[in-house]
Amino acid sequence: MEIVGRGFIARNLQSIAHRHPDVVAFAAGVPNSTVKDDDEFGREAALLYEVVRRCLRQGRRLVFFSTASVAMYGGEGSAGTEDGPIFPGGAYGRHNLALETALARSGVDYLVLRVSNLIGPHQRDNGLLPVLVGGIRAGTVTVYRGATRDLIDIADMTRILDGLLDLRLSREVVNVATGHAVPVERIVAHIESRLGMVADRRVVDGPVPHAAASVSIAKLRGLMPEVDRLGFGPRYYARVLDKYLPLYSAPLYSGPEPLQHADHLSGHRQA
């Protein structure tokens, strides 16, 4: 596998690169879903088009990492499925959908993964876990009202990609998520319980005034029934946080289970 990019996803794909020599994985996207800079979007698009043309010349498969976040599925009327109605809830989602459309019309052999909120090693400082840990340590965390995140271990995403590539899928879009959106308040509470700290909450209105569609993984399960062995469920997020907190914080505090004082919050929004 040739990996285009040097960031979070790119570094974690190294473990399966040797298994797929005919694949080019495009992992050189904009830094995060808060980007609104047309120049950054333009640079990503230009690089992707260049890689598409090369894949066409060389007869190689292209993997593109899109998003299953609120930016894609946050618009009113979005179904949360790969082939259902979709009205992106932000500039990042509109950009990714445009790139998906370009791939679909290019003639290249591609696989698009719409990935939810990845957690793992080598995250940038503005990644979800580093941001939340930093905010808790500083004493204040800002969240959007009703915000949720569907957290998935990047190691599990990599296993799923490995399996999908073995299936020789062509010109397909697949959601890669757990199907369980967790209130950000609950994520914050879990991290607080492990760190032995409590931060002040600053809750603000987000850009999407309604709950986003849940991400459907029915297609993924149909393609790879073994996904059910990964343990996706209501408490999966806690296991992932506990696994990677040592990378972004001091030794874990083994305190009580996180408080469930914010179960009423819902919807895919940014932390």
Protein backbone atom coordinates (compact mmCIF):
# COMPACT_ATOMS: atom_id res chain seq x y z
CA MET A 1 0.00 0.00 0.00
CA GLU A 2 1.21 3.43 -0.91
CA ILE A 3 0.10 5.92 1.76
CA VAL A 4 -0.33 9.53 0.69
CA GLY A 5 0.03 11.65 3.82
CA ARG A 6 2.04 11.66 7.05
CA GLY A 7 -0.55 12.39 9.73
CA PHE A 8 -2.73 10.53 12.21
CA ILE A 9 -4.45 8.12 9.81
CA ALA A 10 -1.41 7.68 7.59
CA ARG A 11 0.83 6.62 10.48
CA ASN A 12 -1.71 4.10 11.73
CA LEU A 13 -2.12 2.48 8.29
CA GLN A 14 1.50 1.34 8.27
CA SER A 15 0.57 -1.94 9.99
CA ILE A 16 -1.41 -3.20 6.96
CA ALA A 17 0.50 -1.47 4.16
CA HIS A 18 2.42 -4.61 3.19
CA ARG A 19 -0.82 -6.56 2.60
CA HIS A 20 -2.20 -4.42 -0.21
CA PRO A 21 0.51 -3.51 -2.75
CA ASP A 22 -2.01 -2.48 -5.42
CA VAL A 23 -3.72 0.11 -3.17
CA VAL A 24 -3.10 3.83 -2.78
CA ALA A 25 -4.54 5.18 0.50
CA PHE A 26 -5.24 8.91 0.37
CA ALA A 27 -4.72 10.10 3.95
CA ALA A 28 -3.69 13.69 3.28
CA GLY A 29 -6.91 15.54 4.00
CA VAL A 30 -7.46 18.85 5.79
CA PRO A 31 -6.57 18.73 9.52
CA ASN A 32 -10.09 18.51 10.99
CA SER A 33 -13.79 19.16 10.50
CA THR A 34 -13.58 22.76 11.74
CA VAL A 35 -11.62 23.88 8.67
CA LYS A 36 -13.44 26.41 6.50
CA ASP A 37 -10.49 27.72 4.49
CA ASP A 38 -11.11 27.40 0.73
CA ASP A 39 -7.36 27.33 0.10
CA GLU A 40 -6.92 24.26 2.32
CA PHE A 41 -9.85 22.53 0.66
CA GLY A 42 -8.40 23.44 -2.73
CA ARG A 43 -4.99 21.98 -1.91
CA GLU A 44 -6.56 18.69 -0.83
CA ALA A 45 -8.72 18.53 -3.95
CA ALA A 46 -5.77 19.25 -6.27
CA LEU A 47 -3.65 16.55 -4.62
CA LEU A 48 -6.50 14.02 -4.78
CA TYR A 49 -7.09 14.71 -8.48
CA GLU A 50 -3.38 14.15 -9.12
CA VAL A 51 -3.50 10.82 -7.24
CA VAL A 52 -6.67 9.76 -9.09
CA ARG A 53 -4.99 10.38 -12.47
CA ARG A 54 -1.96 8.35 -11.39
CA CYS A 55 -4.15 5.47 -10.17
CA LEU A 56 -5.95 5.46 -13.51
CA ARG A 57 -2.65 5.27 -15.38
CA GLN A 58 -1.27 2.52 -13.13
CA GLY A 59 -4.49 0.53 -12.67
CA ARG A 60 -4.40 0.86 -8.87
CA ARG A 61 -7.19 1.01 -6.30
CA LEU A 62 -7.71 4.20 -4.33
CA VAL A 63 -8.94 4.43 -0.74
CA PHE A 64 -10.39 7.80 0.26
CA PHE A 65 -11.19 8.71 3.87
CA SER A 66 -14.36 10.77 4.02
CA THR A 67 -16.41 11.62 7.11
CA ALA A 68 -19.44 10.23 8.93
CA SER A 69 -19.49 13.18 11.36
CA VAL A 70 -22.11 15.89 11.83
CA ALA A 71 -20.39 17.75 9.01
CA MET A 72 -21.68 15.06 6.63
CA TYR A 73 -24.85 13.74 8.27
CA GLY A 74 -25.85 16.83 10.28
CA GLY A 75 -28.20 18.47 7.80
CA GLU A 76 -31.94 18.17 8.34
CA GLY A 77 -33.29 15.22 6.36
CA SER A 78 -30.01 13.28 6.24
CA ALA A 79 -30.57 9.56 6.63
CA GLY A 80 -27.17 8.49 8.00
CA THR A 81 -26.85 5.80 5.32
CA GLU A 82 -24.47 5.57 2.40
CA ASP A 83 -27.18 5.69 -0.27
CA GLY A 84 -29.90 7.70 1.49
CA PRO A 85 -30.65 11.43 1.44
CA ILE A 86 -27.68 13.49 2.59
CA PHE A 87 -27.52 17.19 3.33
CA PRO A 88 -24.08 17.99 4.81
CA GLY A 89 -24.17 20.08 7.96
CA GLY A 90 -20.95 22.00 7.37
CA ALA A 91 -18.28 23.10 4.90
CA TYR A 92 -16.10 20.07 5.70
CA GLY A 93 -18.96 17.70 4.87
CA ARG A 94 -19.83 19.51 1.65
CA HIS A 95 -16.16 19.37 0.64
CA ASN A 96 -15.92 15.62 1.30
CA LEU A 97 -19.16 14.91 -0.56
CA ALA A 98 -17.84 16.89 -3.54
CA LEU A 99 -14.64 14.82 -3.54
CA GLU A 100 -16.67 11.60 -3.32
CA THR A 101 -18.65 12.77 -6.36
CA ALA A 102 -15.45 13.51 -8.26
CA LEU A 103 -14.22 9.97 -7.53
CA ALA A 104 -17.50 8.44 -8.66
CA ARG A 105 -17.22 10.22 -12.02
CA SER A 106 -13.50 9.68 -12.54
CA GLY A 107 -13.56 6.03 -13.57
CA VAL A 108 -11.00 5.09 -10.91
CA ASP A 109 -11.34 1.88 -8.87
CA TYR A 110 -12.08 3.37 -5.43
CA LEU A 111 -13.29 2.60 -1.94
CA VAL A 112 -14.61 5.47 0.18
CA LEU A 113 -14.74 5.06 3.95
CA ARG A 114 -17.00 7.54 5.74
CA VAL A 115 -15.32 7.36 9.11
CA SER A 116 -16.69 8.59 12.44
CA ASN A 117 -14.58 10.06 15.27
CA LEU A 118 -11.26 8.21 15.41
CA ILE A 119 -9.31 7.80 18.64
CA GLY A 120 -5.76 6.48 18.84
CA PRO A 121 -2.04 7.22 18.84
CA HIS A 122 -0.45 10.09 16.90
CA GLN A 123 -3.48 12.40 17.10
CA ARG A 124 -2.82 16.07 16.44
CA ASP A 125 -3.08 18.52 19.31
CA ASN A 126 -6.49 19.61 17.98
CA GLY A 127 -7.83 16.05 18.00
CA LEU A 128 -10.79 15.19 20.23
CA LEU A 129 -8.95 13.41 23.04
CA PRO A 130 -6.01 15.87 23.33
CA VAL A 131 -8.45 18.81 23.29
CA LEU A 132 -10.70 17.36 25.99
CA VAL A 133 -7.80 16.31 28.22
CA GLY A 134 -6.23 19.75 27.81
CA GLY A 135 -9.49 21.50 28.64
CA ILE A 136 -10.10 19.38 31.73
CA ARG A 137 -6.56 20.04 32.97
CA ALA A 138 -7.07 23.77 32.37
CA GLY A 139 -10.34 23.64 34.32
CA THR A 140 -12.84 24.54 31.58
CA VAL A 141 -14.36 22.54 28.72
CA THR A 142 -16.52 24.07 25.99
CA VAL A 143 -19.05 21.81 24.24
CA TYR A 144 -21.87 22.39 21.81
CA ARG A 145 -25.31 21.91 23.27
CA GLY A 146 -26.54 18.41 22.44
CA ALA A 147 -23.15 17.34 21.05
CA THR A 148 -22.45 13.64 20.52
CA ARG A 149 -19.56 11.65 19.10
CA ASP A 150 -19.41 8.14 17.66
CA LEU A 151 -15.93 7.13 18.85
CA ILE A 152 -14.05 4.34 17.13
CA ASP A 153 -10.59 2.97 17.83
CA ILE A 154 -8.34 3.64 14.84
CA ALA A 155 -6.99 0.10 15.29
CA ASP A 156 -10.51 -1.22 14.65
CA MET A 157 -10.92 1.09 11.65
CA THR A 158 -7.66 -0.31 10.26
CA ARG A 159 -8.88 -3.90 10.78
CA ILE A 160 -12.10 -3.04 8.97
CA LEU A 161 -10.25 -1.45 6.05
CA ASP A 162 -8.01 -4.51 5.81
CA GLY A 163 -11.07 -6.76 5.58
CA LEU A 164 -12.90 -4.57 3.07
CA LEU A 165 -9.84 -4.49 0.81
CA ASP A 166 -9.67 -8.28 0.95
CA LEU A 167 -13.24 -8.33 -0.40
CA ARG A 168 -12.03 -6.47 -3.51
CA LEU A 169 -14.84 -3.95 -3.25
CA SER A 170 -14.91 -1.48 -6.12
CA ARG A 171 -16.61 1.92 -6.39
CA GLU A 172 -18.27 1.60 -2.99
CA VAL A 173 -18.95 3.96 -0.07
CA VAL A 174 -19.05 2.39 3.41
CA ASN A 175 -19.75 3.96 6.81
CA VAL A 176 -17.12 2.93 9.36
CA ALA A 177 -18.48 3.73 12.81
CA THR A 178 -19.97 1.95 15.81
CA GLY A 179 -23.55 3.17 15.37
CA HIS A 180 -23.56 4.48 18.96
CA ALA A 181 -23.46 8.26 19.34
CA VAL A 182 -22.29 9.22 22.84
CA PRO A 183 -23.07 12.61 24.43
CA VAL A 184 -19.87 14.64 24.67
CA GLU A 185 -20.81 15.49 28.25
CA ARG A 186 -20.61 11.77 29.06
CA ILE A 187 -17.23 11.49 27.34
CA VAL A 188 -15.96 14.46 29.37
CA ALA A 189 -17.31 12.91 32.58
CA HIS A 190 -15.55 9.63 31.86
CA ILE A 191 -12.22 11.36 31.26
CA GLU A 192 -12.70 13.42 34.45
CA SER A 193 -13.34 10.27 36.45
CA ARG A 194 -10.10 8.73 35.20
CA LEU A 195 -8.05 11.88 35.78
CA GLY A 196 -9.61 12.65 39.15
CA MET A 197 -10.50 16.17 38.00
CA VAL A 198 -13.73 18.07 37.39
CA ALA A 199 -13.83 20.93 34.88
CA ASP A 200 -16.36 23.73 34.50
CA ARG A 201 -18.67 23.26 31.51
CA ARG A 202 -19.22 26.05 29.00
CA VAL A 203 -22.18 24.89 26.92
CA VAL A 204 -22.83 26.88 23.74
CA ASP A 205 -25.23 26.54 20.82
CA GLY A 206 -23.73 24.73 17.88
CA PRO A 207 -24.04 25.35 14.15
CA VAL A 208 -26.74 22.68 13.68
CA PRO A 209 -29.92 23.38 15.71
CA HIS A 210 -31.30 19.84 15.53
CA ALA A 211 -30.07 16.30 16.20
CA ALA A 212 -28.10 14.75 13.35
CA ALA A 213 -28.90 11.36 11.89
CA SER A 214 -27.37 8.33 13.59
CA VAL A 215 -24.69 6.70 11.50
CA SER A 216 -25.93 3.41 10.07
CA ILE A 217 -23.47 0.52 9.89
CA ALA A 218 -25.94 -1.94 8.36
CA LYS A 219 -23.98 -2.03 5.10
CA LEU A 220 -20.69 -2.62 6.94
CA ARG A 221 -22.23 -5.47 8.93
CA GLY A 222 -23.60 -7.03 5.76
CA LEU A 223 -20.19 -6.91 4.09
CA MET A 224 -18.21 -7.97 7.18
CA PRO A 225 -20.29 -9.87 9.77
CA GLU A 226 -17.12 -10.27 11.84
CA VAL A 227 -17.42 -6.59 12.74
CA ASP A 228 -19.75 -7.70 15.52
CA ARG A 229 -16.75 -9.29 17.25
CA LEU A 230 -15.18 -5.86 17.76
CA GLY A 231 -17.55 -5.19 20.65
CA PHE A 232 -19.36 -2.11 19.37
CA GLY A 233 -22.00 -1.14 21.90
CA PRO A 234 -23.01 1.50 24.45
CA ARG A 235 -19.82 1.08 26.55
CA TYR A 236 -17.34 0.65 23.70
CA TYR A 237 -16.41 4.35 23.89
CA ALA A 238 -15.25 3.96 27.50
CA ARG A 239 -12.90 1.09 26.62
CA VAL A 240 -11.39 3.14 23.80
CA LEU A 241 -10.87 6.17 26.03
CA ASP A 242 -9.26 4.05 28.74
CA LYS A 243 -6.97 2.45 26.15
CA TYR A 244 -5.59 5.73 24.85
CA LEU A 245 -5.80 8.15 27.77
CA PRO A 246 -2.28 7.18 28.94
CA LEU A 247 -0.93 8.62 25.68
CA TYR A 248 -2.39 12.05 26.37
CA SER A 249 -2.43 12.32 30.16
CA ALA A 250 -0.72 11.37 33.41
CA PRO A 251 -1.23 7.86 34.86
CA LEU A 252 -4.91 7.05 35.06
CA TYR A 253 -6.95 7.65 38.16
CA SER A 254 -8.98 4.57 39.03
CA GLY A 255 -12.04 6.34 40.35
CA PRO A 256 -15.74 5.66 40.11
CA GLU A 257 -17.69 5.20 36.90
CA PRO A 258 -18.48 8.51 35.16
CA LEU A 259 -21.55 10.41 36.23
CA GLN A 260 -24.56 10.12 33.94
CA HIS A 261 -25.82 13.65 34.55
CA ALA A 262 -26.08 14.63 30.90
CA ASP A 263 -27.91 11.74 29.25
CA HIS A 264 -30.40 14.17 27.73
CA LEU A 265 -27.80 15.57 25.34
CA SER A 266 -27.83 14.10 21.85
CA GLY A 267 -26.98 14.81 18.23
CA HIS A 268 -23.72 14.73 16.22
CA ARG A 269 -21.98 18.02 16.93
CA GLN A 270 -18.40 19.07 17.44
CA ALA A 271 -16.79 19.16 20.88
